[in-house]
Amino acid sequence: MVQSEQFDVLVLGSGAGGKLIAWHMAQSGRRTAVVERRWIGGSCPNIACMPTKNQISNAQVAHLARHGAQHGTMSGSVTVDMALVRQRKREMVERQVAKHLQIYQASGAELIMGSGRFLAPKTLEVRLNDGGTRVLAADRIFLNVGTHAAIPNVPGLEAARPLTHIEALELDYVPKHLVLIGGGYSGLELAQAFRRFGSDVTVIDSGPRLLAREDADISDEILRILRAEGIQVLLGAELRQVGGRSGDKVTLSLRTPSGERQIDGSDILVAAGRIPNTAGIGLEEAGVELDGRGFIRVNERLETSAADVWAVGECAGSPQFTHISEDDFRIIRDNLAGGNRSTRDRLVPYCLFTDPPLARVGLSEAEAARQGLSVRVAKLPMDAVLAAQATDQRQGFMKALVGNSDDRILGFTMIGASAGEVMAAVHTAMLAGLSYSSLANADFAHPTMAEGLSSLFSGVPPRGAQEAKSKAA
C-alpha cells in the first residue's frame, strides 16, 4: 500500500469556495493540498459562468449587427463564425486558468490533478491524471466537488448524445434547429444566445411556466421577450421519446396540453437540473452523510457529519451560484477564527443573463405568501425610466416588496437593462437595514437605470392599504 502523505488541510475540488479555502489556509502557513479532477478553478471559469457570459456577449453583438438599421447604422448581411466565437471563449478561459495557477504558486497550496476517493476518515487516495497514485491524509478536510448536468430518463435521449452546457460552449457551427429541454435559468440564457447566432430554437418545459421559482408576472414577461425573438416555447410538455443523433437529426415525441406532438430538430441541449458529484468517492468511508437527493448533509455552519470535515458550494446544497460558494468560504473562514456565522437567513442575489437580464434579491410575492408575510407591492415599467427611454431599452419592469407593518425592503426583482447593477443598490440597502423611503428619496444620478428606484419606491402603498384592498376584493 502507498504510504500516506500528511497535510494540515486537504480540499477535494477546486471550485469557488474550495480554492479560496486552499489559498487562505496555505497563506496562513498550513500545508495544504487541493485535488482537482479536471477544471482548474472549478466550473465557473471553465465551463459555466464566465464562458457562458462570453458567449452571450458574442451573441449580443450578432443581434445588434442585424438590427443596426434601427439605430441608424447600416450593414450588409450578418454571418456568425462559431469557430471564432469558440476561440474567443477559449482564450478567455486560458487567461482565467493561468491566473489561477499563478495564485496557487504564490499561495503555496499544492494543486494535484487527479480523481480522489476516500479510503478512511480523512484519508484520500488520488489516481493521478498523468499516472500513478498518491494517498493523502489531513487534519481538516473540505469538500467542494460540485454537480453535473442531469439527463432525464427518457427513452432514446441518452443514445441521442445530447449536448449539455459544456458541449454547447464548444460548438464550431450554428445548429440549424436547437431543441432545448428545460426552462430554467442557464438553459434560457443559451436558448437566446443560439437564437441570436442564427439557430431556430425550441424550448420544451414540463412545467406550466418558465422559471418556476419566480412570480407569474416575471415568468410571463421573460416568456414574452423570448417569443418576441422567435424562440418557440412549449410549456406543460412531457417528453416521451427521442430518436436520432444530436448534431445530425433528432425527433422528439411530446405529450402537450393540446395533444401529441412531434418536434424535428438538428441538435438537443439538455438543461434540466443538476446532480451532485458525491457518488463513488467513498464518502461513506469518511463518515460523511448524504441527504435524500445525494447532497452532502451539512449544518448551518457547513459542518458535515464527520468531525473536522466541511462541505461548500453546490455539493452541500448551497444555492447554485459562484458568489454563494464564495460566501460559504467566508463563513467557514470566520468560524475557524472564532466567529459564529451561519448560512441561515442570508440574502441570495442572482441574475439571469438574458437580454434584458432578470435580477432578484430577497423574497418573491409567492415566497412571502408561503411565509405568511403581509407585504406591500410596488411595480414600475421600465418604459417609465428616463434612461430606458433614452436608450430605447424599454422592456421589462421593476418590482419591490415592502413589509406591511414596517418599512423594511423584503424583496426586489427587475427585468431590464443593467438589472444586476440596479439590484446591487437595493441589496446594499437591505443589508444596511434601510427603509424603502431611503431609496424613494435618494438622488440617483440622471439618466441611469438606477434612477428608476426612486420612482419605484415612491409608489409603495401606505401601510395597511394592500391589506384593505385584499379584504375589499
Protein backbone atom coordinates (compact mmCIF):
# COMPACT_ATOMS: atom_id res chain seq x y z
CA MET A 1 0.00 0.00 0.00
CA VAL A 2 1.20 3.50 -0.84
CA GLN A 3 2.29 5.37 2.28
CA SER A 4 0.10 8.37 3.11
CA GLU A 5 1.38 11.93 2.94
CA GLN A 6 0.31 14.14 5.82
CA PHE A 7 -1.17 17.61 5.27
CA ASP A 8 -2.81 20.12 7.55
CA VAL A 9 -5.58 20.82 5.03
CA LEU A 10 -6.97 18.81 2.14
CA VAL A 11 -9.50 20.24 -0.31
CA LEU A 12 -11.33 17.95 -2.74
CA GLY A 13 -12.45 20.06 -5.69
CA SER A 14 -11.09 23.45 -6.77
CA GLY A 15 -14.32 25.40 -7.29
CA ALA A 16 -15.02 28.88 -5.96
CA GLY A 17 -15.25 28.04 -2.27
CA GLY A 18 -12.65 25.29 -2.32
CA LYS A 19 -9.88 27.28 -3.95
CA LEU A 20 -10.44 30.24 -1.62
CA ILE A 21 -10.18 27.93 1.39
CA ALA A 22 -6.98 26.42 -0.01
CA TRP A 23 -5.33 29.74 -0.75
CA HIS A 24 -6.32 31.16 2.64
CA MET A 25 -5.08 28.12 4.55
CA ALA A 26 -1.80 27.95 2.65
CA GLN A 27 -1.15 31.65 3.09
CA SER A 28 -1.80 31.17 6.81
CA GLY A 29 1.10 28.72 6.98
CA ARG A 30 -0.77 25.42 6.81
CA ARG A 31 0.41 22.67 4.50
CA THR A 32 -2.44 22.48 2.00
CA ALA A 33 -3.27 20.26 -0.96
CA VAL A 34 -6.08 20.61 -3.49
CA VAL A 35 -7.22 17.62 -5.54
CA GLU A 36 -8.91 18.57 -8.81
CA ARG A 37 -10.14 16.07 -11.38
CA ARG A 38 -10.22 18.34 -14.43
CA TRP A 39 -11.21 22.01 -14.17
CA ILE A 40 -8.58 24.24 -12.56
CA GLY A 41 -10.60 26.80 -10.66
CA GLY A 42 -13.79 24.79 -10.92
CA SER A 43 -16.66 25.07 -13.37
CA CYS A 44 -17.16 28.85 -13.23
CA PRO A 45 -14.08 29.98 -15.20
CA ASN A 46 -14.01 26.89 -17.43
CA ILE A 47 -17.47 25.68 -18.42
CA ALA A 48 -20.10 27.79 -16.67
CA CYS A 49 -20.39 31.43 -15.56
CA MET A 50 -17.51 33.07 -17.38
CA PRO A 51 -17.57 31.23 -20.74
CA THR A 52 -21.36 31.38 -21.00
CA LYS A 53 -21.31 35.14 -20.45
CA ASN A 54 -18.55 35.39 -23.04
CA GLN A 55 -20.77 33.52 -25.49
CA ILE A 56 -23.80 35.64 -24.59
CA SER A 57 -21.80 38.81 -25.28
CA ASN A 58 -20.81 37.45 -28.70
CA ALA A 59 -24.45 36.66 -29.45
CA GLN A 60 -25.48 40.17 -28.45
CA VAL A 61 -23.01 41.62 -30.95
CA ALA A 62 -24.58 39.50 -33.69
CA HIS A 63 -28.03 40.65 -32.60
CA LEU A 64 -27.03 44.32 -32.64
CA ALA A 65 -25.37 43.95 -36.03
CA ARG A 66 -28.58 42.52 -37.50
CA HIS A 67 -30.64 45.34 -36.01
CA GLY A 68 -28.19 48.17 -36.56
CA ALA A 69 -30.51 49.93 -39.01
CA GLN A 70 -32.89 50.67 -36.14
CA HIS A 71 -30.09 52.78 -34.64
CA GLY A 72 -29.02 54.42 -37.88
CA THR A 73 -26.13 52.05 -38.62
CA MET A 74 -26.44 50.29 -41.96
CA SER A 75 -24.70 46.99 -42.64
CA GLY A 76 -24.90 44.08 -45.01
CA SER A 77 -25.88 40.51 -44.25
CA VAL A 78 -24.55 39.19 -40.95
CA THR A 79 -22.96 35.76 -40.58
CA VAL A 80 -21.53 34.16 -37.46
CA ASP A 81 -18.26 32.20 -37.43
CA MET A 82 -18.73 29.88 -34.45
CA ALA A 83 -15.13 28.71 -34.67
CA LEU A 84 -14.03 32.29 -33.91
CA VAL A 85 -16.69 32.58 -31.19
CA ARG A 86 -15.30 29.41 -29.62
CA GLN A 87 -11.72 30.63 -29.94
CA ARG A 88 -12.57 33.87 -28.16
CA LYS A 89 -14.15 31.87 -25.36
CA ARG A 90 -11.16 29.52 -25.14
CA GLU A 91 -8.72 32.42 -24.91
CA MET A 92 -10.70 33.90 -22.04
CA VAL A 93 -10.69 30.53 -20.25
CA GLU A 94 -6.93 30.16 -20.79
CA ARG A 95 -6.36 33.57 -19.17
CA GLN A 96 -8.51 32.56 -16.22
CA VAL A 97 -6.69 29.25 -15.73
CA ALA A 98 -3.28 30.93 -15.99
CA LYS A 99 -4.30 33.40 -13.29
CA HIS A 100 -5.42 30.56 -11.04
CA LEU A 101 -2.09 28.77 -11.47
CA GLN A 102 -0.24 31.95 -10.53
CA ILE A 103 -2.28 32.28 -7.34
CA TYR A 104 -1.69 28.62 -6.44
CA GLN A 105 2.04 29.12 -6.81
CA ALA A 106 2.03 32.35 -4.81
CA SER A 107 -0.14 30.91 -2.04
CA GLY A 108 1.90 27.77 -1.53
CA ALA A 109 -1.11 25.44 -1.91
CA GLU A 110 -0.25 22.28 -3.86
CA LEU A 111 -2.59 21.57 -6.78
CA ILE A 112 -2.86 17.85 -7.54
CA MET A 113 -4.63 16.84 -10.74
CA GLY A 114 -6.40 13.54 -10.29
CA SER A 115 -9.51 11.71 -9.07
CA GLY A 116 -9.91 11.22 -5.34
CA ARG A 117 -11.68 8.57 -3.29
CA PHE A 118 -11.73 8.26 0.49
CA LEU A 119 -10.22 5.10 1.92
CA ALA A 120 -10.91 6.03 5.54
CA PRO A 121 -11.77 9.12 7.58
CA LYS A 122 -9.51 11.99 6.47
CA THR A 123 -7.58 9.72 4.10
CA LEU A 124 -7.88 10.12 0.34
CA GLU A 125 -6.47 8.01 -2.47
CA VAL A 126 -5.76 10.04 -5.60
CA ARG A 127 -5.37 8.46 -9.01
CA LEU A 128 -3.24 11.00 -10.80
CA ASN A 129 -4.22 12.13 -14.28
CA ASP A 130 -0.67 11.56 -15.53
CA GLY A 131 -0.41 8.12 -13.95
CA GLY A 132 0.37 6.81 -10.51
CA THR A 133 -1.33 7.06 -7.15
CA ARG A 134 -0.91 9.18 -4.03
CA VAL A 135 -2.55 8.73 -0.63
CA LEU A 136 -3.17 11.94 1.26
CA ALA A 137 -4.22 12.43 4.87
CA ALA A 138 -5.08 15.69 6.60
CA ASP A 139 -6.30 17.14 9.89
CA ARG A 140 -9.03 19.12 8.15
CA ILE A 141 -10.99 18.17 5.02
CA PHE A 142 -13.04 20.47 2.79
CA LEU A 143 -15.36 19.05 0.12
CA ASN A 144 -16.15 21.15 -2.95
CA VAL A 145 -16.99 18.52 -5.56
CA GLY A 146 -19.79 20.37 -7.38
CA THR A 147 -22.56 18.98 -9.58
CA HIS A 148 -23.11 17.81 -13.15
CA ALA A 149 -25.97 18.08 -15.64
CA ALA A 150 -28.85 15.66 -15.22
CA ILE A 151 -30.00 13.72 -18.29
CA PRO A 152 -33.71 12.85 -17.88
CA ASN A 153 -34.60 9.17 -18.12
CA VAL A 154 -36.43 9.37 -21.43
CA PRO A 155 -36.27 6.55 -23.99
CA GLY A 156 -33.69 7.38 -26.66
CA LEU A 157 -32.43 10.59 -25.05
CA GLU A 158 -29.08 9.35 -23.78
CA ALA A 159 -28.50 7.42 -27.01
CA ALA A 160 -29.05 10.66 -28.94
CA ARG A 161 -25.89 12.05 -27.27
CA PRO A 162 -27.44 15.39 -26.30
CA LEU A 163 -25.40 18.47 -25.57
CA THR A 164 -25.06 19.87 -22.08
CA HIS A 165 -23.78 23.40 -21.47
CA ILE A 166 -20.22 22.01 -21.64
CA GLU A 167 -20.52 20.71 -25.20
CA ALA A 168 -22.69 23.64 -26.31
CA LEU A 169 -19.85 26.02 -25.49
CA GLU A 170 -17.53 24.01 -27.74
CA LEU A 171 -19.66 24.01 -30.89
CA ASP A 172 -17.92 25.27 -34.02
CA TYR A 173 -21.16 25.55 -36.00
CA VAL A 174 -24.55 27.22 -35.61
CA PRO A 175 -27.18 24.50 -35.04
CA LYS A 176 -29.92 24.62 -37.64
CA HIS A 177 -32.64 23.86 -35.09
CA LEU A 178 -31.65 23.59 -31.44
CA VAL A 179 -34.17 21.88 -29.16
CA LEU A 180 -33.60 22.77 -25.54
CA ILE A 181 -35.00 20.55 -22.78
CA GLY A 182 -35.66 22.57 -19.63
CA GLY A 183 -36.96 26.08 -18.99
CA GLY A 184 -34.57 27.06 -16.21
CA TYR A 185 -32.01 29.84 -15.87
CA SER A 186 -28.91 28.56 -17.68
CA GLY A 187 -30.97 26.95 -20.42
CA LEU A 188 -32.81 30.15 -21.28
CA GLU A 189 -29.54 32.10 -21.49
CA LEU A 190 -28.22 29.64 -24.07
CA ALA A 191 -31.56 29.49 -25.89
CA GLN A 192 -31.47 33.22 -26.54
CA ALA A 193 -27.76 33.18 -27.40
CA PHE A 194 -28.14 30.49 -30.06
CA ARG A 195 -31.23 32.17 -31.46
CA ARG A 196 -29.13 35.30 -31.90
CA PHE A 197 -26.35 33.32 -33.53
CA GLY A 198 -28.93 32.23 -36.10
CA SER A 199 -30.43 28.94 -34.89
CA ASP A 200 -34.09 28.10 -34.83
CA VAL A 201 -34.71 27.35 -31.15
CA THR A 202 -37.45 25.38 -29.41
CA VAL A 203 -37.65 25.25 -25.60
CA ILE A 204 -39.52 22.32 -24.04
CA ASP A 205 -40.51 22.54 -20.38
CA SER A 206 -42.72 20.19 -18.40
CA GLY A 207 -43.93 22.91 -16.04
CA PRO A 208 -46.84 25.26 -16.62
CA ARG A 209 -44.46 28.23 -16.93
CA LEU A 210 -40.80 29.10 -17.25
CA LEU A 211 -38.62 29.88 -14.21
CA ALA A 212 -40.91 28.15 -11.73
CA ARG A 213 -39.37 29.83 -8.66
CA GLU A 214 -40.32 33.29 -9.93
CA ASP A 215 -43.69 35.02 -9.67
CA ALA A 216 -46.05 34.53 -12.59
CA ASP A 217 -45.68 38.12 -13.84
CA ILE A 218 -41.90 37.63 -14.04
CA SER A 219 -42.21 34.31 -15.88
CA ASP A 220 -44.75 35.78 -18.28
CA GLU A 221 -42.53 38.74 -19.16
CA ILE A 222 -39.50 36.52 -19.83
CA LEU A 223 -41.71 34.28 -21.98
CA ARG A 224 -42.95 37.29 -23.94
CA ILE A 225 -39.38 38.54 -24.53
CA LEU A 226 -38.14 35.16 -25.76
CA ARG A 227 -41.10 34.57 -28.05
CA ALA A 228 -40.67 38.06 -29.49
CA GLU A 229 -37.21 36.97 -30.68
CA GLY A 230 -38.69 33.98 -32.47
CA ILE A 231 -37.99 31.31 -29.83
CA GLN A 232 -40.71 28.65 -29.73
CA VAL A 233 -41.62 27.71 -26.15
CA LEU A 234 -43.73 24.65 -25.32
CA LEU A 235 -45.00 24.54 -21.72
CA GLY A 236 -46.59 21.64 -19.90
CA ALA A 237 -44.90 19.35 -22.41
CA GLU A 238 -43.90 15.83 -21.38
CA LEU A 239 -41.00 14.41 -23.38
CA ARG A 240 -41.92 10.81 -24.24
CA GLN A 241 -39.26 9.60 -26.66
CA VAL A 242 -36.23 10.77 -28.62
CA GLY A 243 -34.88 9.43 -31.88
CA GLY A 244 -31.83 10.24 -33.97
CA ARG A 245 -28.49 11.76 -33.03
CA SER A 246 -27.80 15.29 -31.83
CA GLY A 247 -25.67 17.17 -34.33
CA ASP A 248 -27.37 15.43 -37.25
CA LYS A 249 -31.12 14.94 -36.99
CA VAL A 250 -33.35 14.36 -33.98
CA THR A 251 -37.05 13.71 -33.45
CA LEU A 252 -38.74 14.35 -30.13
CA SER A 253 -42.17 12.96 -29.29
CA LEU A 254 -44.14 15.04 -26.78
CA ARG A 255 -47.40 14.96 -24.91
CA THR A 256 -48.67 18.52 -24.63
CA PRO A 257 -51.87 20.07 -23.22
CA SER A 258 -53.16 20.24 -26.80
CA GLY A 259 -52.29 16.61 -27.62
CA GLU A 260 -49.42 14.53 -29.02
CA ARG A 261 -46.77 16.44 -30.93
CA GLN A 262 -43.51 15.76 -32.75
CA ILE A 263 -40.56 18.16 -32.96
CA ASP A 264 -37.84 17.67 -35.58
CA GLY A 265 -34.51 19.34 -34.95
CA SER A 266 -30.79 19.14 -35.56
CA ASP A 267 -29.37 19.34 -32.04
CA ILE A 268 -30.56 18.72 -28.46
CA LEU A 269 -29.36 20.69 -25.46
CA VAL A 270 -30.33 19.39 -22.01
CA ALA A 271 -30.61 21.90 -19.16
CA ALA A 272 -32.91 20.03 -16.80
CA GLY A 273 -31.29 20.23 -13.39
CA ARG A 274 -28.10 19.21 -11.62
CA ILE A 275 -26.84 16.09 -9.81
CA PRO A 276 -24.22 16.33 -7.02
CA ASN A 277 -20.84 14.71 -7.70
CA THR A 278 -20.97 12.70 -4.48
CA ALA A 279 -21.33 9.15 -5.78
CA GLY A 280 -18.33 6.84 -5.95
CA ILE A 281 -15.87 8.96 -3.96
CA GLY A 282 -16.01 6.98 -0.71
CA LEU A 283 -17.87 9.47 1.43
CA GLU A 284 -19.30 6.60 3.46
CA GLU A 285 -15.73 5.59 4.35
CA ALA A 286 -15.10 9.14 5.50
CA GLY A 287 -18.19 9.16 7.71
CA VAL A 288 -19.87 11.86 5.61
CA GLU A 289 -23.65 11.53 5.34
CA LEU A 290 -25.76 12.49 2.32
CA ASP A 291 -29.34 13.70 2.19
CA GLY A 292 -32.10 12.02 0.19
CA ARG A 293 -31.07 13.81 -3.02
CA GLY A 294 -27.40 12.90 -2.78
CA PHE A 295 -26.16 16.26 -1.50
CA ILE A 296 -23.78 16.34 1.45
CA ARG A 297 -25.68 16.88 4.68
CA VAL A 298 -24.36 19.98 6.48
CA ASN A 299 -25.48 22.18 9.34
CA GLU A 300 -25.77 25.96 9.17
CA ARG A 301 -22.02 26.25 9.75
CA LEU A 302 -21.37 23.93 6.75
CA GLU A 303 -20.03 21.17 9.02
CA THR A 304 -20.68 17.61 7.85
CA SER A 305 -21.48 14.56 9.98
CA ALA A 306 -17.72 13.81 10.19
CA ALA A 307 -15.52 15.72 12.61
CA ASP A 308 -13.29 18.38 11.00
CA VAL A 309 -14.90 17.87 7.59
CA TRP A 310 -16.79 20.69 5.87
CA ALA A 311 -18.61 20.96 2.54
CA VAL A 312 -19.09 24.08 0.43
CA GLY A 313 -20.88 25.07 -2.73
CA GLU A 314 -23.39 23.11 -4.75
CA CYS A 315 -22.49 19.68 -3.34
CA ALA A 316 -23.55 20.94 0.09
CA GLY A 317 -26.94 22.02 -1.21
CA SER A 318 -25.98 25.70 -1.17
CA PRO A 319 -27.73 27.87 -3.78
CA GLN A 320 -26.02 27.10 -7.07
CA PHE A 321 -24.15 30.36 -7.62
CA THR A 322 -20.42 31.09 -7.56
CA HIS A 323 -20.88 34.05 -5.23
CA ILE A 324 -22.67 31.84 -2.69
CA SER A 325 -19.86 29.28 -2.77
CA GLU A 326 -17.52 32.20 -2.05
CA ASP A 327 -19.74 33.18 0.88
CA ASP A 328 -19.56 29.59 2.14
CA PHE A 329 -15.79 30.10 2.30
CA ARG A 330 -16.18 33.29 4.30
CA ILE A 331 -18.49 31.57 6.79
CA ILE A 332 -16.00 28.77 7.39
CA ARG A 333 -13.01 31.13 7.50
CA ASP A 334 -14.63 33.37 10.09
CA ASN A 335 -15.88 30.49 12.22
CA LEU A 336 -12.45 28.86 12.30
CA ALA A 337 -11.17 32.20 13.60
CA GLY A 338 -13.68 32.12 16.46
CA GLY A 339 -16.72 33.66 14.76
CA ASN A 340 -20.29 32.46 14.75
CA ARG A 341 -21.56 32.89 11.21
CA SER A 342 -24.13 30.70 9.53
CA THR A 343 -25.95 30.16 6.25
CA ARG A 344 -29.28 30.96 7.91
CA ASP A 345 -31.19 33.98 6.61
CA ARG A 346 -28.50 35.18 4.20
CA LEU A 347 -29.66 37.26 1.27
CA VAL A 348 -29.08 35.47 -2.02
CA PRO A 349 -28.93 37.76 -5.07
CA TYR A 350 -28.86 36.27 -8.54
CA CYS A 351 -29.16 37.19 -12.20
CA LEU A 352 -30.45 35.57 -15.36
CA PHE A 353 -28.22 36.94 -18.12
CA THR A 354 -30.74 37.10 -20.91
CA ASP A 355 -31.19 40.39 -22.76
CA PRO A 356 -32.71 42.16 -20.95
CA PRO A 357 -31.50 40.41 -17.80
CA LEU A 358 -33.52 39.35 -14.78
CA ALA A 359 -32.19 40.09 -11.28
CA ARG A 360 -33.66 39.29 -7.89
CA VAL A 361 -32.74 39.56 -4.22
CA GLY A 362 -34.95 38.67 -1.28
CA LEU A 363 -38.50 37.39 -1.39
CA SER A 364 -40.92 36.97 -4.26
CA GLU A 365 -44.62 37.52 -3.70
CA ALA A 366 -45.19 33.76 -3.65
CA GLU A 367 -42.45 33.20 -1.08
CA ALA A 368 -43.80 35.97 1.13
CA ALA A 369 -47.26 34.38 0.99
CA ARG A 370 -45.87 30.96 1.92
CA GLN A 371 -44.20 32.55 4.95
CA GLY A 372 -47.42 34.24 5.96
CA LEU A 373 -45.98 37.73 5.49
CA SER A 374 -48.19 40.68 4.65
CA VAL A 375 -46.41 42.85 2.09
CA ARG A 376 -46.90 45.97 0.05
CA VAL A 377 -46.03 45.65 -3.63
CA ALA A 378 -44.84 48.38 -5.98
CA LYS A 379 -44.19 47.96 -9.71
CA LEU A 380 -42.70 50.26 -12.30
CA PRO A 381 -42.47 49.57 -16.05
CA MET A 382 -39.01 50.16 -17.49
CA ASP A 383 -40.65 52.42 -20.07
CA ALA A 384 -41.19 54.90 -17.20
CA VAL A 385 -37.43 55.16 -16.54
CA LEU A 386 -35.84 58.01 -18.48
CA ALA A 387 -32.59 56.14 -19.12
CA ALA A 388 -34.60 53.30 -20.68
CA GLN A 389 -36.41 55.79 -22.88
CA ALA A 390 -33.14 57.45 -23.92
CA THR A 391 -31.52 54.17 -24.95
CA ASP A 392 -34.73 52.50 -26.18
CA GLN A 393 -34.21 49.62 -23.72
CA ARG A 394 -37.80 49.70 -22.53
CA GLN A 395 -38.63 46.03 -22.00
CA GLY A 396 -39.38 44.74 -18.51
CA PHE A 397 -40.26 46.22 -15.14
CA MET A 398 -39.11 46.63 -11.54
CA LYS A 399 -40.99 45.20 -8.56
CA ALA A 400 -40.42 45.75 -4.85
CA LEU A 401 -41.87 44.08 -1.75
CA VAL A 402 -42.05 46.08 1.49
CA GLY A 403 -43.30 44.87 4.86
CA ASN A 404 -46.89 45.91 5.56
CA SER A 405 -46.28 46.56 9.26
CA ASP A 406 -42.91 48.25 8.84
CA ASP A 407 -40.83 49.86 6.11
CA ARG A 408 -38.32 47.05 5.54
CA ILE A 409 -37.50 46.09 1.96
CA LEU A 410 -38.22 42.36 1.73
CA GLY A 411 -37.56 41.73 -1.94
CA PHE A 412 -36.70 43.27 -5.29
CA THR A 413 -36.97 41.89 -8.81
CA MET A 414 -36.11 43.57 -12.08
CA ILE A 415 -36.28 42.64 -15.73
CA GLY A 416 -34.47 45.33 -17.67
CA ALA A 417 -31.15 46.67 -18.89
CA SER A 418 -28.47 46.73 -16.14
CA ALA A 419 -30.76 44.79 -13.81
CA GLY A 420 -27.87 43.22 -11.90
CA GLU A 421 -26.24 46.55 -11.14
CA VAL A 422 -29.53 48.17 -10.14
CA MET A 423 -30.30 45.19 -7.88
CA ALA A 424 -26.95 45.70 -6.13
CA ALA A 425 -28.14 49.08 -4.85
CA VAL A 426 -31.27 47.53 -3.34
CA HIS A 427 -29.26 44.59 -1.98
CA THR A 428 -26.94 47.02 -0.22
CA ALA A 429 -29.90 48.90 1.25
CA MET A 430 -31.37 45.63 2.53
CA LEU A 431 -28.06 44.61 4.13
CA ALA A 432 -27.87 48.02 5.82
CA GLY A 433 -31.44 47.73 7.10
CA LEU A 434 -32.53 50.93 5.36
CA SER A 435 -36.21 51.69 4.96
CA TYR A 436 -37.69 51.85 1.49
CA SER A 437 -38.11 55.62 1.89
CA SER A 438 -34.31 55.96 1.83
CA LEU A 439 -34.36 54.82 -1.78
CA ALA A 440 -37.54 56.72 -2.60
CA ASN A 441 -35.81 59.95 -1.54
CA ALA A 442 -32.33 59.15 -2.89
CA ASP A 443 -30.75 61.40 -5.54
CA PHE A 444 -29.67 58.79 -8.07
CA ALA A 445 -27.61 60.04 -10.99
CA HIS A 446 -29.55 61.04 -14.08
CA PRO A 447 -30.05 59.44 -16.52
CA THR A 448 -29.30 55.97 -15.16
CA MET A 449 -31.38 52.82 -14.83
CA ALA A 450 -30.96 53.03 -11.04
CA GLU A 451 -32.81 56.34 -11.15
CA GLY A 452 -35.97 54.28 -11.54
CA LEU A 453 -35.60 53.09 -7.95
CA SER A 454 -36.73 56.48 -6.67
CA SER A 455 -39.95 56.28 -8.69
CA LEU A 456 -40.47 52.62 -7.81
CA PHE A 457 -40.20 53.08 -4.06
CA SER A 458 -42.15 56.32 -4.16
CA GLY A 459 -45.03 54.18 -5.41
CA VAL A 460 -45.10 51.86 -2.38
CA PRO A 461 -48.68 51.91 -0.98
CA PRO A 462 -49.13 53.29 2.52
CA ARG A 463 -49.24 50.86 5.45
CA GLY A 464 -52.43 48.84 5.54
CA ALA A 465 -53.51 49.85 2.03
CA GLN A 466 -52.66 46.48 0.47
CA GLU A 467 -54.43 44.58 3.24
CA ALA A 468 -57.54 46.78 2.96
CA LYS A 469 -57.56 46.25 -0.81
CA SER A 470 -57.42 42.47 -0.35
CA LYS A 471 -60.33 42.50 2.12
CA ALA A 472 -62.41 44.65 -0.23
CA ALA A 473 -61.79 42.24 -3.06
